């Protein structure tokens, strides 16, 4: 599953997608595609580790409103930073996840609780497939990853699990990684962030005793049904993932070929 000799304390779900078996008997090259949470909480000890990873390009999927209230990303070297906001203010989940991570007011809680947080998360994943900024952002990110000058490429959102998770799914599918390996990487977020989730839940319920942890936990986790909601939307709208790449994201066969040339060994 790629390099495992590094970790970022301030981004515990960070991981290299290298090593996954892909198309034509090849594998994803190690140290070329790195997914993380936002980098504003990296510790001083994390910075030399990030320096060794040496991303040439950092893709930030957050909206400007999320960036403005978060600590600025801590970067090493002089990577190209590309802002590709994937955000829909109509979905309270976006505001809520950011507020949870930053310890801010949880004003979206009542709206989310009325909808049901698992249902809200599934709705977001369906929107990833059809939303205008989602299609623009994910498509642009794939095209960046297909260009050698942008590698290693590091991509993140706020929590590094949903927008980042779906972009990883898109990239790995385009590279020919099988569905089971893609799903396993997606779900790894939960095991990598057990301690963080419990700390966040404890802090939240201390500030707002009326919060129901059972309603909050689905926002902090990834779940198979979230991913299934996106896959179902791909089939409903496009019929196949290949058609979604081409027609939904504008990722041509030429881009897929360049992506595989750059990222597979």
C-alpha atoms as a PDB file:
ATOM      1  CA  UNK A   1       0.000   0.000   0.000  1.00  0.00           C
ATOM      2  CA  UNK A   2       2.905   2.360  -0.554  1.00  0.00           C
ATOM      3  CA  UNK A   3       5.404   3.987   1.747  1.00  0.00           C
ATOM      4  CA  UNK A   4       4.736   3.419   5.425  1.00  0.00           C
ATOM      5  CA  UNK A   5       7.967   4.815   6.861  1.00  0.00           C
ATOM      6  CA  UNK A   6       6.580   8.294   7.441  1.00  0.00           C
ATOM      7  CA  UNK A   7       3.698   9.855   9.264  1.00  0.00           C
ATOM      8  CA  UNK A   8       2.461  13.369   9.900  1.00  0.00           C
ATOM      9  CA  UNK A   9       1.318  13.962  13.473  1.00  0.00           C
ATOM     10  CA  UNK A  10      -0.740  16.958  12.401  1.00  0.00           C
ATOM     11  CA  UNK A  11      -2.396  15.014   9.571  1.00  0.00           C
ATOM     12  CA  UNK A  12      -2.792  11.473  10.917  1.00  0.00           C
ATOM     13  CA  UNK A  13      -4.731  10.229   7.893  1.00  0.00           C
ATOM     14  CA  UNK A  14      -1.964  11.223   5.454  1.00  0.00           C
ATOM     15  CA  UNK A  15      -0.844   8.458   3.148  1.00  0.00           C
ATOM     16  CA  UNK A  16       1.022   7.683  -0.023  1.00  0.00           C
ATOM     17  CA  UNK A  17      -1.109   5.956  -2.648  1.00  0.00           C
ATOM     18  CA  UNK A  18       1.946   4.223  -4.064  1.00  0.00           C
ATOM     19  CA  UNK A  19       2.155   0.462  -4.255  1.00  0.00           C
ATOM     20  CA  UNK A  20      -1.453  -0.234  -5.167  1.00  0.00           C
ATOM     21  CA  UNK A  21      -1.807  -2.732  -8.038  1.00  0.00           C
ATOM     22  CA  UNK A  22      -3.096  -0.999 -11.161  1.00  0.00           C
ATOM     23  CA  UNK A  23      -3.637  -1.476 -14.897  1.00  0.00           C
ATOM     24  CA  UNK A  24      -1.624  -3.914 -17.028  1.00  0.00           C
ATOM     25  CA  UNK A  25       0.062  -5.566 -14.065  1.00  0.00           C
ATOM     26  CA  UNK A  26       1.707  -2.329 -13.001  1.00  0.00           C
ATOM     27  CA  UNK A  27       1.606  -0.515  -9.674  1.00  0.00           C
ATOM     28  CA  UNK A  28       1.139   3.067  -8.573  1.00  0.00           C
ATOM     29  CA  UNK A  29       4.588   4.584  -8.147  1.00  0.00           C
ATOM     30  CA  UNK A  30       5.531   5.358  -4.550  1.00  0.00           C
ATOM     31  CA  UNK A  31       5.982   8.934  -3.451  1.00  0.00           C
ATOM     32  CA  UNK A  32       4.016  10.444  -6.343  1.00  0.00           C
ATOM     33  CA  UNK A  33       0.433  10.800  -5.067  1.00  0.00           C
ATOM     34  CA  UNK A  34      -0.037  11.856  -1.454  1.00  0.00           C
ATOM     35  CA  UNK A  35      -3.387  12.508   0.231  1.00  0.00           C
ATOM     36  CA  UNK A  36      -3.651  14.413   3.495  1.00  0.00           C
ATOM     37  CA  UNK A  37      -5.854  16.589   5.634  1.00  0.00           C
ATOM     38  CA  UNK A  38      -5.231  20.349   5.607  1.00  0.00           C
ATOM     39  CA  UNK A  39      -1.617  21.120   6.505  1.00  0.00           C
ATOM     40  CA  UNK A  40      -2.207  23.959   8.954  1.00  0.00           C
ATOM     41  CA  UNK A  41      -1.865  21.680  11.974  1.00  0.00           C
ATOM     42  CA  UNK A  42       1.454  20.144  11.026  1.00  0.00           C
ATOM     43  CA  UNK A  43       3.924  20.188  13.890  1.00  0.00           C
ATOM     44  CA  UNK A  44       7.505  21.419  13.679  1.00  0.00           C
ATOM     45  CA  UNK A  45       8.536  17.767  13.666  1.00  0.00           C
ATOM     46  CA  UNK A  46       6.284  17.115  10.666  1.00  0.00           C
ATOM     47  CA  UNK A  47       8.017  19.662   8.464  1.00  0.00           C
ATOM     48  CA  UNK A  48      11.213  17.647   7.769  1.00  0.00           C
ATOM     49  CA  UNK A  49       8.988  14.678   6.872  1.00  0.00           C
ATOM     50  CA  UNK A  50       7.029  16.825   4.438  1.00  0.00           C
ATOM     51  CA  UNK A  51      10.331  18.083   3.071  1.00  0.00           C
ATOM     52  CA  UNK A  52      11.398  14.508   2.274  1.00  0.00           C
ATOM     53  CA  UNK A  53       8.115  13.899   0.467  1.00  0.00           C
ATOM     54  CA  UNK A  54       8.910  17.077  -1.498  1.00  0.00           C
ATOM     55  CA  UNK A  55       5.574  17.771  -3.193  1.00  0.00           C
ATOM     56  CA  UNK A  56       5.980  19.769  -6.383  1.00  0.00           C
ATOM     57  CA  UNK A  57       2.292  20.673  -6.409  1.00  0.00           C
ATOM     58  CA  UNK A  58      -0.236  21.039  -3.572  1.00  0.00           C
ATOM     59  CA  UNK A  59      -3.915  20.932  -4.532  1.00  0.00           C
ATOM     60  CA  UNK A  60      -6.229  22.533  -1.964  1.00  0.00           C
ATOM     61  CA  UNK A  61      -9.885  21.589  -2.425  1.00  0.00           C
ATOM     62  CA  UNK A  62     -11.213  23.958   0.270  1.00  0.00           C
ATOM     63  CA  UNK A  63     -13.350  26.986  -0.352  1.00  0.00           C
ATOM     64  CA  UNK A  64     -11.885  30.401   0.473  1.00  0.00           C
ATOM     65  CA  UNK A  65     -14.301  30.637   3.400  1.00  0.00           C
ATOM     66  CA  UNK A  66     -12.727  27.498   4.877  1.00  0.00           C
ATOM     67  CA  UNK A  67      -9.190  28.714   4.267  1.00  0.00           C
ATOM     68  CA  UNK A  68      -9.900  32.067   5.913  1.00  0.00           C
ATOM     69  CA  UNK A  69     -10.810  30.551   9.285  1.00  0.00           C
ATOM     70  CA  UNK A  70      -8.185  27.776   9.308  1.00  0.00           C
ATOM     71  CA  UNK A  71      -4.476  27.955  10.115  1.00  0.00           C
ATOM     72  CA  UNK A  72      -2.510  28.501   6.894  1.00  0.00           C
ATOM     73  CA  UNK A  73      -0.976  25.396   5.360  1.00  0.00           C
ATOM     74  CA  UNK A  74       2.571  24.781   6.558  1.00  0.00           C
ATOM     75  CA  UNK A  75       4.632  24.021   3.467  1.00  0.00           C
ATOM     76  CA  UNK A  76       8.266  23.151   2.830  1.00  0.00           C
ATOM     77  CA  UNK A  77      10.177  24.186  -0.255  1.00  0.00           C
ATOM     78  CA  UNK A  78       8.379  26.066  -2.992  1.00  0.00           C
ATOM     79  CA  UNK A  79       5.576  23.853  -4.311  1.00  0.00           C
ATOM     80  CA  UNK A  80       3.025  25.186  -6.759  1.00  0.00           C
ATOM     81  CA  UNK A  81      -0.186  25.648  -4.763  1.00  0.00           C
ATOM     82  CA  UNK A  82      -3.384  25.246  -6.778  1.00  0.00           C
ATOM     83  CA  UNK A  83      -6.710  26.204  -5.243  1.00  0.00           C
ATOM     84  CA  UNK A  84      -9.558  24.136  -6.685  1.00  0.00           C
ATOM     85  CA  UNK A  85     -12.530  24.844  -4.411  1.00  0.00           C
ATOM     86  CA  UNK A  86     -15.069  22.024  -4.242  1.00  0.00           C
ATOM     87  CA  UNK A  87     -17.793  23.522  -2.102  1.00  0.00           C
ATOM     88  CA  UNK A  88     -21.524  24.023  -2.092  1.00  0.00           C
ATOM     89  CA  UNK A  89     -22.912  26.372   0.585  1.00  0.00           C
ATOM     90  CA  UNK A  90     -26.298  24.697   0.177  1.00  0.00           C
ATOM     91  CA  UNK A  91     -24.918  21.634   1.967  1.00  0.00           C
ATOM     92  CA  UNK A  92     -24.443  22.341   5.696  1.00  0.00           C
ATOM     93  CA  UNK A  93     -22.015  19.425   6.005  1.00  0.00           C
ATOM     94  CA  UNK A  94     -19.209  21.552   4.553  1.00  0.00           C
ATOM     95  CA  UNK A  95     -19.637  24.272   7.177  1.00  0.00           C
ATOM     96  CA  UNK A  96     -20.157  21.730   9.918  1.00  0.00           C
ATOM     97  CA  UNK A  97     -17.043  19.646   9.289  1.00  0.00           C
ATOM     98  CA  UNK A  98     -14.880  22.767   9.179  1.00  0.00           C
ATOM     99  CA  UNK A  99     -16.452  24.056  12.392  1.00  0.00           C
ATOM    100  CA  UNK A 100     -15.862  20.724  14.141  1.00  0.00           C
ATOM    101  CA  UNK A 101     -12.192  20.636  13.148  1.00  0.00           C
ATOM    102  CA  UNK A 102     -11.594  24.231  14.213  1.00  0.00           C
ATOM    103  CA  UNK A 103     -13.609  24.150  17.431  1.00  0.00           C
ATOM    104  CA  UNK A 104     -15.944  26.858  16.177  1.00  0.00           C
ATOM    105  CA  UNK A 105     -19.649  27.432  16.641  1.00  0.00           C
ATOM    106  CA  UNK A 106     -21.711  24.475  15.480  1.00  0.00           C
ATOM    107  CA  UNK A 107     -24.502  26.545  14.030  1.00  0.00           C
ATOM    108  CA  UNK A 108     -25.306  24.040  11.302  1.00  0.00           C
ATOM    109  CA  UNK A 109     -26.041  21.295  13.819  1.00  0.00           C
ATOM    110  CA  UNK A 110     -29.803  21.794  13.999  1.00  0.00           C
ATOM    111  CA  UNK A 111     -30.178  21.704  10.223  1.00  0.00           C
ATOM    112  CA  UNK A 112     -28.013  18.609   9.962  1.00  0.00           C
ATOM    113  CA  UNK A 113     -29.787  16.861  12.820  1.00  0.00           C
ATOM    114  CA  UNK A 114     -33.127  17.435  11.086  1.00  0.00           C
ATOM    115  CA  UNK A 115     -31.839  15.900   7.850  1.00  0.00           C
ATOM    116  CA  UNK A 116     -29.915  13.118   9.538  1.00  0.00           C
ATOM    117  CA  UNK A 117     -26.159  13.193   9.282  1.00  0.00           C
ATOM    118  CA  UNK A 118     -25.687   9.926   7.339  1.00  0.00           C
ATOM    119  CA  UNK A 119     -28.254  11.129   4.803  1.00  0.00           C
ATOM    120  CA  UNK A 120     -26.506  14.501   4.582  1.00  0.00           C
ATOM    121  CA  UNK A 121     -23.181  12.801   3.961  1.00  0.00           C
ATOM    122  CA  UNK A 122     -24.653  10.590   1.224  1.00  0.00           C
ATOM    123  CA  UNK A 123     -26.151  13.698  -0.401  1.00  0.00           C
ATOM    124  CA  UNK A 124     -22.730  15.345  -0.442  1.00  0.00           C
ATOM    125  CA  UNK A 125     -21.201  12.332  -2.173  1.00  0.00           C
ATOM    126  CA  UNK A 126     -23.892  12.391  -4.837  1.00  0.00           C
ATOM    127  CA  UNK A 127     -23.178  16.096  -5.298  1.00  0.00           C
ATOM    128  CA  UNK A 128     -19.475  15.279  -5.794  1.00  0.00           C
ATOM    129  CA  UNK A 129     -20.512  13.603  -9.053  1.00  0.00           C
ATOM    130  CA  UNK A 130     -22.897  16.269 -10.375  1.00  0.00           C
ATOM    131  CA  UNK A 131     -22.018  19.581  -8.696  1.00  0.00           C
ATOM    132  CA  UNK A 132     -20.484  22.189 -10.984  1.00  0.00           C
ATOM    133  CA  UNK A 133     -17.554  23.113  -8.747  1.00  0.00           C
ATOM    134  CA  UNK A 134     -17.013  19.436  -7.923  1.00  0.00           C
ATOM    135  CA  UNK A 135     -16.756  18.427 -11.568  1.00  0.00           C
ATOM    136  CA  UNK A 136     -14.490  21.392 -12.343  1.00  0.00           C
ATOM    137  CA  UNK A 137     -12.217  20.840  -9.354  1.00  0.00           C
ATOM    138  CA  UNK A 138     -11.844  17.082  -9.591  1.00  0.00           C
ATOM    139  CA  UNK A 139     -11.318  17.215 -13.360  1.00  0.00           C
ATOM    140  CA  UNK A 140      -8.648  19.892 -13.057  1.00  0.00           C
ATOM    141  CA  UNK A 141      -6.878  17.927 -10.313  1.00  0.00           C
ATOM    142  CA  UNK A 142      -6.675  14.813 -12.509  1.00  0.00           C
ATOM    143  CA  UNK A 143      -5.191  16.849 -15.341  1.00  0.00           C
ATOM    144  CA  UNK A 144      -2.588  18.307 -12.970  1.00  0.00           C
ATOM    145  CA  UNK A 145      -1.612  14.810 -11.785  1.00  0.00           C
ATOM    146  CA  UNK A 146      -1.072  13.737 -15.390  1.00  0.00           C
ATOM    147  CA  UNK A 147       1.740  16.289 -15.836  1.00  0.00           C
ATOM    148  CA  UNK A 148       5.190  15.212 -14.694  1.00  0.00           C
ATOM    149  CA  UNK A 149       6.127  18.702 -13.516  1.00  0.00           C
ATOM    150  CA  UNK A 150       3.434  18.516 -10.815  1.00  0.00           C
ATOM    151  CA  UNK A 151       4.734  15.302  -9.243  1.00  0.00           C
ATOM    152  CA  UNK A 152       4.878  14.478  -6.433  1.00  0.00           C
ATOM    153  CA  UNK A 153       1.350  15.855  -6.063  1.00  0.00           C
ATOM    154  CA  UNK A 154      -0.210  16.308  -2.624  1.00  0.00           C
ATOM    155  CA  UNK A 155      -3.944  16.935  -2.381  1.00  0.00           C
ATOM    156  CA  UNK A 156      -6.131  17.818   0.575  1.00  0.00           C
ATOM    157  CA  UNK A 157      -9.340  19.433   1.786  1.00  0.00           C
ATOM    158  CA  UNK A 158     -10.137  20.167   5.452  1.00  0.00           C
ATOM    159  CA  UNK A 159     -10.470  16.743   7.068  1.00  0.00           C
ATOM    160  CA  UNK A 160      -8.860  14.840   4.194  1.00  0.00           C
ATOM    161  CA  UNK A 161     -11.621  12.257   4.018  1.00  0.00           C
ATOM    162  CA  UNK A 162     -14.510  13.242   1.747  1.00  0.00           C
ATOM    163  CA  UNK A 163     -13.426  15.555  -1.081  1.00  0.00           C
ATOM    164  CA  UNK A 164      -9.906  14.177  -0.743  1.00  0.00           C
ATOM    165  CA  UNK A 165     -11.334  10.668  -0.555  1.00  0.00           C
ATOM    166  CA  UNK A 166     -13.395  11.033  -3.716  1.00  0.00           C
ATOM    167  CA  UNK A 167     -10.486  12.575  -5.622  1.00  0.00           C
ATOM    168  CA  UNK A 168      -8.384   9.564  -4.584  1.00  0.00           C
ATOM    169  CA  UNK A 169     -11.146   7.289  -5.892  1.00  0.00           C
ATOM    170  CA  UNK A 170     -11.184   9.171  -9.203  1.00  0.00           C
ATOM    171  CA  UNK A 171      -7.406   9.078  -9.615  1.00  0.00           C
ATOM    172  CA  UNK A 172      -7.045   5.430  -8.645  1.00  0.00           C
ATOM    173  CA  UNK A 173      -9.921   4.349 -10.874  1.00  0.00           C
ATOM    174  CA  UNK A 174      -8.352   6.183 -13.813  1.00  0.00           C
ATOM    175  CA  UNK A 175      -5.100   4.364 -13.041  1.00  0.00           C
ATOM    176  CA  UNK A 176      -6.851   0.994 -13.221  1.00  0.00           C
ATOM    177  CA  UNK A 177      -6.705   0.128  -9.513  1.00  0.00           C
ATOM    178  CA  UNK A 178      -9.412  -2.398  -8.632  1.00  0.00           C
ATOM    179  CA  UNK A 179     -12.489  -1.413  -6.663  1.00  0.00           C
ATOM    180  CA  UNK A 180     -11.621  -3.457  -3.565  1.00  0.00           C
ATOM    181  CA  UNK A 181      -8.216  -1.781  -3.156  1.00  0.00           C
ATOM    182  CA  UNK A 182      -9.766   1.641  -3.729  1.00  0.00           C
ATOM    183  CA  UNK A 183     -12.440   1.001  -1.114  1.00  0.00           C
ATOM    184  CA  UNK A 184      -9.858  -0.269   1.369  1.00  0.00           C
ATOM    185  CA  UNK A 185      -7.794   2.896   1.017  1.00  0.00           C
ATOM    186  CA  UNK A 186     -10.914   5.051   1.374  1.00  0.00           C
ATOM    187  CA  UNK A 187     -11.939   3.298   4.596  1.00  0.00           C
ATOM    188  CA  UNK A 188      -8.432   3.507   6.104  1.00  0.00           C
ATOM    189  CA  UNK A 189      -9.309   7.018   7.265  1.00  0.00           C
ATOM    190  CA  UNK A 190     -11.313   5.520  10.123  1.00  0.00           C
ATOM    191  CA  UNK A 191      -8.501   3.424  11.575  1.00  0.00           C
ATOM    192  CA  UNK A 192      -5.976   6.236  11.182  1.00  0.00           C
ATOM    193  CA  UNK A 193      -8.104   8.782  13.047  1.00  0.00           C
ATOM    194  CA  UNK A 194      -9.639   6.826  15.938  1.00  0.00           C
ATOM    195  CA  UNK A 195      -7.932   8.898  18.618  1.00  0.00           C
ATOM    196  CA  UNK A 196      -8.602  12.184  16.853  1.00  0.00           C
ATOM    197  CA  UNK A 197     -12.320  11.420  16.501  1.00  0.00           C
ATOM    198  CA  UNK A 198     -12.697  10.655  20.195  1.00  0.00           C
ATOM    199  CA  UNK A 199     -10.872  13.839  21.195  1.00  0.00           C
ATOM    200  CA  UNK A 200     -13.100  15.893  18.905  1.00  0.00           C
ATOM    201  CA  UNK A 201     -16.271  14.245  20.167  1.00  0.00           C
ATOM    202  CA  UNK A 202     -15.307  14.794  23.790  1.00  0.00           C
ATOM    203  CA  UNK A 203     -14.489  18.453  23.180  1.00  0.00           C
ATOM    204  CA  UNK A 204     -17.706  19.023  21.255  1.00  0.00           C
ATOM    205  CA  UNK A 205     -20.008  17.450  23.819  1.00  0.00           C
ATOM    206  CA  UNK A 206     -18.250  19.355  26.586  1.00  0.00           C
ATOM    207  CA  UNK A 207     -19.005  22.641  24.826  1.00  0.00           C
ATOM    208  CA  UNK A 208     -22.522  21.658  23.789  1.00  0.00           C
ATOM    209  CA  UNK A 209     -23.946  18.939  26.061  1.00  0.00           C
ATOM    210  CA  UNK A 210     -27.071  18.709  23.900  1.00  0.00           C
ATOM    211  CA  UNK A 211     -25.050  17.314  21.000  1.00  0.00           C
ATOM    212  CA  UNK A 212     -25.830  13.689  20.265  1.00  0.00           C
ATOM    213  CA  UNK A 213     -22.539  11.838  19.586  1.00  0.00           C
ATOM    214  CA  UNK A 214     -24.464   9.327  17.478  1.00  0.00           C
ATOM    215  CA  UNK A 215     -25.485  12.178  15.166  1.00  0.00           C
ATOM    216  CA  UNK A 216     -22.030  13.733  15.091  1.00  0.00           C
ATOM    217  CA  UNK A 217     -19.966  10.594  14.525  1.00  0.00           C
ATOM    218  CA  UNK A 218     -21.141  10.040  10.909  1.00  0.00           C
ATOM    219  CA  UNK A 219     -19.638  13.406   9.953  1.00  0.00           C
ATOM    220  CA  UNK A 220     -16.239  12.453  11.380  1.00  0.00           C
ATOM    221  CA  UNK A 221     -16.090   9.054   9.712  1.00  0.00           C
ATOM    222  CA  UNK A 222     -16.108   7.636   6.230  1.00  0.00           C
ATOM    223  CA  UNK A 223     -18.608   4.880   5.566  1.00  0.00           C
ATOM    224  CA  UNK A 224     -19.161   2.409   2.727  1.00  0.00           C
ATOM    225  CA  UNK A 225     -22.620   3.825   2.087  1.00  0.00           C
ATOM    226  CA  UNK A 226     -21.164   7.274   1.385  1.00  0.00           C
ATOM    227  CA  UNK A 227     -18.922   5.872  -1.308  1.00  0.00           C
ATOM    228  CA  UNK A 228     -21.797   3.759  -2.633  1.00  0.00           C
ATOM    229  CA  UNK A 229     -23.935   6.895  -2.961  1.00  0.00           C
ATOM    230  CA  UNK A 230     -21.319   8.448  -5.251  1.00  0.00           C
ATOM    231  CA  UNK A 231     -20.908   5.266  -7.280  1.00  0.00           C
ATOM    232  CA  UNK A 232     -24.694   5.014  -7.656  1.00  0.00           C
ATOM    233  CA  UNK A 233     -24.810   8.604  -8.902  1.00  0.00           C
ATOM    234  CA  UNK A 234     -22.056   7.879 -11.414  1.00  0.00           C
ATOM    235  CA  UNK A 235     -24.086   4.970 -12.796  1.00  0.00           C
ATOM    236  CA  UNK A 236     -27.338   6.940 -12.756  1.00  0.00           C
ATOM    237  CA  UNK A 237     -25.983   9.987 -14.568  1.00  0.00           C
ATOM    238  CA  UNK A 238     -23.235   8.540 -16.774  1.00  0.00           C
ATOM    239  CA  UNK A 239     -23.724   4.787 -16.932  1.00  0.00           C
ATOM    240  CA  UNK A 240     -20.065   3.995 -16.226  1.00  0.00           C
ATOM    241  CA  UNK A 241     -17.046   5.454 -14.468  1.00  0.00           C
ATOM    242  CA  UNK A 242     -15.264   5.788 -17.807  1.00  0.00           C
ATOM    243  CA  UNK A 243     -18.101   7.969 -19.113  1.00  0.00           C
ATOM    244  CA  UNK A 244     -18.037  10.001 -15.881  1.00  0.00           C
ATOM    245  CA  UNK A 245     -14.323  10.662 -16.351  1.00  0.00           C
ATOM    246  CA  UNK A 246     -14.831  11.686 -19.963  1.00  0.00           C
ATOM    247  CA  UNK A 247     -18.157  13.525 -19.890  1.00  0.00           C
ATOM    248  CA  UNK A 248     -18.419  14.608 -16.266  1.00  0.00           C
ATOM    249  CA  UNK A 249     -14.819  15.598 -15.586  1.00  0.00           C
ATOM    250  CA  UNK A 250     -13.465  16.268 -19.077  1.00  0.00           C
ATOM    251  CA  UNK A 251     -10.721  13.690 -18.561  1.00  0.00           C
ATOM    252  CA  UNK A 252      -9.942  12.440 -22.057  1.00  0.00           C
ATOM    253  CA  UNK A 253      -8.359   9.139 -23.012  1.00  0.00           C
ATOM    254  CA  UNK A 254      -5.176  11.104 -23.698  1.00  0.00           C
ATOM    255  CA  UNK A 255      -5.177  12.434 -20.129  1.00  0.00           C
ATOM    256  CA  UNK A 256      -5.749   8.934 -18.743  1.00  0.00           C
ATOM    257  CA  UNK A 257      -2.816   7.675 -20.821  1.00  0.00           C
ATOM    258  CA  UNK A 258      -0.573  10.485 -19.587  1.00  0.00           C
ATOM    259  CA  UNK A 259      -1.699   9.845 -16.009  1.00  0.00           C
ATOM    260  CA  UNK A 260      -0.742   6.191 -16.265  1.00  0.00           C
ATOM    261  CA  UNK A 261       2.586   6.987 -17.907  1.00  0.00           C
ATOM    262  CA  UNK A 262       3.411   9.416 -15.088  1.00  0.00           C
ATOM    263  CA  UNK A 263       2.167   7.413 -12.135  1.00  0.00           C
ATOM    264  CA  UNK A 264       2.501   3.703 -12.898  1.00  0.00           C
ATOM    265  CA  UNK A 265       5.572   1.496 -12.856  1.00  0.00           C
END
